[in-house]
Amino acid sequence: MNSSTQRLEHWEADAGDTGVAHLDIPPHAQRDRTFEVSADCAVRAVPGHDAPWHEMRLLLNGAQQWVRRVPTHPEGPDSLDYRVRCKVPLGEPLRITVTTEVHGARRLSLRVVADEE
């Protein structure tokens, strides 16, 4: 199959309101791949809590790529999102893990997507 007829891969994991999302992309036996990985979480502050915060962490194949902790806006929903390009050599898998922590807030959603470029 030549590059003009290849079907690009799309992988997605929706973890709902849980704190961890995993996405395991199996190896490809015939070519290298490049993915744009995006992760997003949404939270809402719990009324009456002082200094609420939320945090999201992204790991690729077990190595931390990014982490951010921010104050949670007290009114309405708040969110964090992150995007990164990732090259995956022929025969190698890609394991993506996104974790969240909250204090004085509750999780609304957590999702991770990997689209081949």
C-alpha atoms as a PDB file:
ATOM      1  CA  MET A   1       0.000   0.000   0.000  1.00  0.00           C
ATOM      2  CA  ASN A   2       1.491   3.375  -0.895  1.00  0.00           C
ATOM      3  CA  SER A   3       1.238   6.468   1.267  1.00  0.00           C
ATOM      4  CA  SER A   4      -1.600   7.987  -0.778  1.00  0.00           C
ATOM      5  CA  THR A   5      -3.910   5.027  -0.070  1.00  0.00           C
ATOM      6  CA  GLN A   6      -3.044   4.388   3.586  1.00  0.00           C
ATOM      7  CA  ARG A   7      -5.876   4.664   6.058  1.00  0.00           C
ATOM      8  CA  LEU A   8      -4.793   6.900   8.923  1.00  0.00           C
ATOM      9  CA  GLU A   9      -5.398   5.540  12.405  1.00  0.00           C
ATOM     10  CA  HIS A  10      -7.729   7.099  14.987  1.00  0.00           C
ATOM     11  CA  TRP A  11      -7.745   5.894  18.594  1.00  0.00           C
ATOM     12  CA  GLU A  12      -9.849   7.252  21.452  1.00  0.00           C
ATOM     13  CA  ALA A  13     -10.569   6.506  25.115  1.00  0.00           C
ATOM     14  CA  ASP A  14     -13.324   8.228  27.068  1.00  0.00           C
ATOM     15  CA  ALA A  15     -12.915   7.691  30.814  1.00  0.00           C
ATOM     16  CA  GLY A  16     -16.013   9.677  31.798  1.00  0.00           C
ATOM     17  CA  ASP A  17     -15.702  11.108  35.294  1.00  0.00           C
ATOM     18  CA  THR A  18     -13.000   8.662  36.443  1.00  0.00           C
ATOM     19  CA  GLY A  19      -9.448   9.772  37.180  1.00  0.00           C
ATOM     20  CA  VAL A  20      -7.455   7.667  34.682  1.00  0.00           C
ATOM     21  CA  ALA A  21      -7.640   7.118  30.916  1.00  0.00           C
ATOM     22  CA  HIS A  22      -5.533   4.500  29.084  1.00  0.00           C
ATOM     23  CA  LEU A  23      -5.006   4.133  25.371  1.00  0.00           C
ATOM     24  CA  ASP A  24      -2.895   1.231  24.074  1.00  0.00           C
ATOM     25  CA  ILE A  25      -2.008   1.420  20.397  1.00  0.00           C
ATOM     26  CA  PRO A  26      -0.499  -1.829  19.090  1.00  0.00           C
ATOM     27  CA  PRO A  27       2.658  -1.882  16.988  1.00  0.00           C
ATOM     28  CA  HIS A  28       2.500  -1.635  13.203  1.00  0.00           C
ATOM     29  CA  ALA A  29       4.520  -4.263  11.328  1.00  0.00           C
ATOM     30  CA  GLN A  30       5.093  -2.294   8.125  1.00  0.00           C
ATOM     31  CA  ARG A  31       5.760   1.380   8.865  1.00  0.00           C
ATOM     32  CA  ASP A  32       6.690   4.135  11.279  1.00  0.00           C
ATOM     33  CA  ARG A  33       3.830   6.368  12.425  1.00  0.00           C
ATOM     34  CA  THR A  34       3.393   9.848  13.856  1.00  0.00           C
ATOM     35  CA  PHE A  35       0.428  10.629  16.108  1.00  0.00           C
ATOM     36  CA  GLU A  36      -1.011  13.836  17.463  1.00  0.00           C
ATOM     37  CA  VAL A  37      -2.071  12.939  20.990  1.00  0.00           C
ATOM     38  CA  SER A  38      -4.601  15.147  22.738  1.00  0.00           C
ATOM     39  CA  ALA A  39      -5.958  14.860  26.256  1.00  0.00           C
ATOM     40  CA  ASP A  40      -8.608  16.917  27.984  1.00  0.00           C
ATOM     41  CA  CYS A  41     -10.338  16.901  31.336  1.00  0.00           C
ATOM     42  CA  ALA A  42     -13.202  18.988  32.667  1.00  0.00           C
ATOM     43  CA  VAL A  43     -13.988  19.669  36.322  1.00  0.00           C
ATOM     44  CA  ARG A  44     -16.328  21.749  38.442  1.00  0.00           C
ATOM     45  CA  ALA A  45     -15.498  23.339  41.797  1.00  0.00           C
ATOM     46  CA  VAL A  46     -17.448  22.002  44.759  1.00  0.00           C
ATOM     47  CA  PRO A  47     -19.249  24.879  46.513  1.00  0.00           C
ATOM     48  CA  GLY A  48     -17.809  25.778  49.898  1.00  0.00           C
ATOM     49  CA  HIS A  49     -14.265  24.487  49.306  1.00  0.00           C
ATOM     50  CA  ASP A  50     -11.391  26.913  49.680  1.00  0.00           C
ATOM     51  CA  ALA A  51      -8.695  26.947  46.997  1.00  0.00           C
ATOM     52  CA  PRO A  52      -9.946  24.132  44.736  1.00  0.00           C
ATOM     53  CA  TRP A  53      -7.485  22.842  42.128  1.00  0.00           C
ATOM     54  CA  HIS A  54      -7.231  20.246  39.402  1.00  0.00           C
ATOM     55  CA  GLU A  55      -4.267  18.504  37.808  1.00  0.00           C
ATOM     56  CA  MET A  56      -3.671  16.454  34.665  1.00  0.00           C
ATOM     57  CA  ARG A  57      -0.612  14.326  33.867  1.00  0.00           C
ATOM     58  CA  LEU A  58       0.231  12.637  30.533  1.00  0.00           C
ATOM     59  CA  LEU A  59       2.610   9.689  30.146  1.00  0.00           C
ATOM     60  CA  LEU A  60       3.810   8.133  26.880  1.00  0.00           C
ATOM     61  CA  ASN A  61       5.147   4.586  27.249  1.00  0.00           C
ATOM     62  CA  GLY A  62       5.513   5.191  30.990  1.00  0.00           C
ATOM     63  CA  ALA A  63       7.544   8.418  30.700  1.00  0.00           C
ATOM     64  CA  GLN A  64       5.963  11.612  31.978  1.00  0.00           C
ATOM     65  CA  GLN A  65       5.561  14.122  29.138  1.00  0.00           C
ATOM     66  CA  TRP A  66       3.568  16.829  30.834  1.00  0.00           C
ATOM     67  CA  VAL A  67       1.885  17.772  34.109  1.00  0.00           C
ATOM     68  CA  ARG A  68      -0.002  20.867  35.175  1.00  0.00           C
ATOM     69  CA  ARG A  69      -1.890  21.801  38.350  1.00  0.00           C
ATOM     70  CA  VAL A  70      -4.080  24.903  38.252  1.00  0.00           C
ATOM     71  CA  PRO A  71      -6.643  26.586  40.505  1.00  0.00           C
ATOM     72  CA  THR A  72     -10.188  25.574  39.597  1.00  0.00           C
ATOM     73  CA  HIS A  73     -12.436  28.466  38.654  1.00  0.00           C
ATOM     74  CA  PRO A  74     -15.118  28.676  41.368  1.00  0.00           C
ATOM     75  CA  GLU A  75     -17.965  29.450  38.926  1.00  0.00           C
ATOM     76  CA  GLY A  76     -18.938  27.056  36.142  1.00  0.00           C
ATOM     77  CA  PRO A  77     -16.859  24.269  34.650  1.00  0.00           C
ATOM     78  CA  ASP A  78     -13.088  24.484  34.166  1.00  0.00           C
ATOM     79  CA  SER A  79     -10.687  22.364  32.138  1.00  0.00           C
ATOM     80  CA  LEU A  80      -7.163  21.408  31.152  1.00  0.00           C
ATOM     81  CA  ASP A  81      -6.023  20.160  27.776  1.00  0.00           C
ATOM     82  CA  TYR A  82      -2.726  19.207  26.178  1.00  0.00           C
ATOM     83  CA  ARG A  83      -1.501  18.162  22.725  1.00  0.00           C
ATOM     84  CA  VAL A  84       1.772  16.530  21.713  1.00  0.00           C
ATOM     85  CA  ARG A  85       3.171  14.934  18.542  1.00  0.00           C
ATOM     86  CA  CYS A  86       4.667  11.501  19.008  1.00  0.00           C
ATOM     87  CA  LYS A  87       6.741   9.417  16.568  1.00  0.00           C
ATOM     88  CA  VAL A  88       6.248   5.664  16.877  1.00  0.00           C
ATOM     89  CA  PRO A  89       8.862   3.482  15.158  1.00  0.00           C
ATOM     90  CA  LEU A  90       7.935   0.386  13.159  1.00  0.00           C
ATOM     91  CA  GLY A  91       7.147  -2.534  15.457  1.00  0.00           C
ATOM     92  CA  GLU A  92       6.742  -0.385  18.597  1.00  0.00           C
ATOM     93  CA  PRO A  93       3.506   0.102  20.574  1.00  0.00           C
ATOM     94  CA  LEU A  94       2.316   3.403  22.021  1.00  0.00           C
ATOM     95  CA  ARG A  95       0.877   3.350  25.521  1.00  0.00           C
ATOM     96  CA  ILE A  96      -0.782   6.568  26.643  1.00  0.00           C
ATOM     97  CA  THR A  97      -1.881   7.169  30.218  1.00  0.00           C
ATOM     98  CA  VAL A  98      -3.624  10.313  31.422  1.00  0.00           C
ATOM     99  CA  THR A  99      -4.258  10.790  35.136  1.00  0.00           C
ATOM    100  CA  THR A 100      -6.075  13.527  36.980  1.00  0.00           C
ATOM    101  CA  GLU A 101      -6.205  14.688  40.577  1.00  0.00           C
ATOM    102  CA  VAL A 102      -8.673  17.110  42.106  1.00  0.00           C
ATOM    103  CA  HIS A 103      -9.023  18.960  45.398  1.00  0.00           C
ATOM    104  CA  GLY A 104     -12.262  20.752  46.188  1.00  0.00           C
ATOM    105  CA  ALA A 105     -13.545  19.898  42.703  1.00  0.00           C
ATOM    106  CA  ARG A 106     -15.224  16.988  40.971  1.00  0.00           C
ATOM    107  CA  ARG A 107     -14.343  15.432  37.653  1.00  0.00           C
ATOM    108  CA  LEU A 108     -16.816  15.831  34.797  1.00  0.00           C
ATOM    109  CA  SER A 109     -14.933  14.192  31.917  1.00  0.00           C
ATOM    110  CA  LEU A 110     -11.579  12.790  30.825  1.00  0.00           C
ATOM    111  CA  ARG A 111     -10.673  11.850  27.268  1.00  0.00           C
ATOM    112  CA  VAL A 112      -7.557  10.972  25.273  1.00  0.00           C
ATOM    113  CA  VAL A 113      -7.333  10.839  21.455  1.00  0.00           C
ATOM    114  CA  ALA A 114      -4.505   9.801  19.134  1.00  0.00           C
ATOM    115  CA  ASP A 115      -4.775  10.680  15.430  1.00  0.00           C
ATOM    116  CA  GLU A 116      -2.175   9.537  12.955  1.00  0.00           C
ATOM    117  CA  GLU A 117      -0.749  12.316  10.805  1.00  0.00           C
END
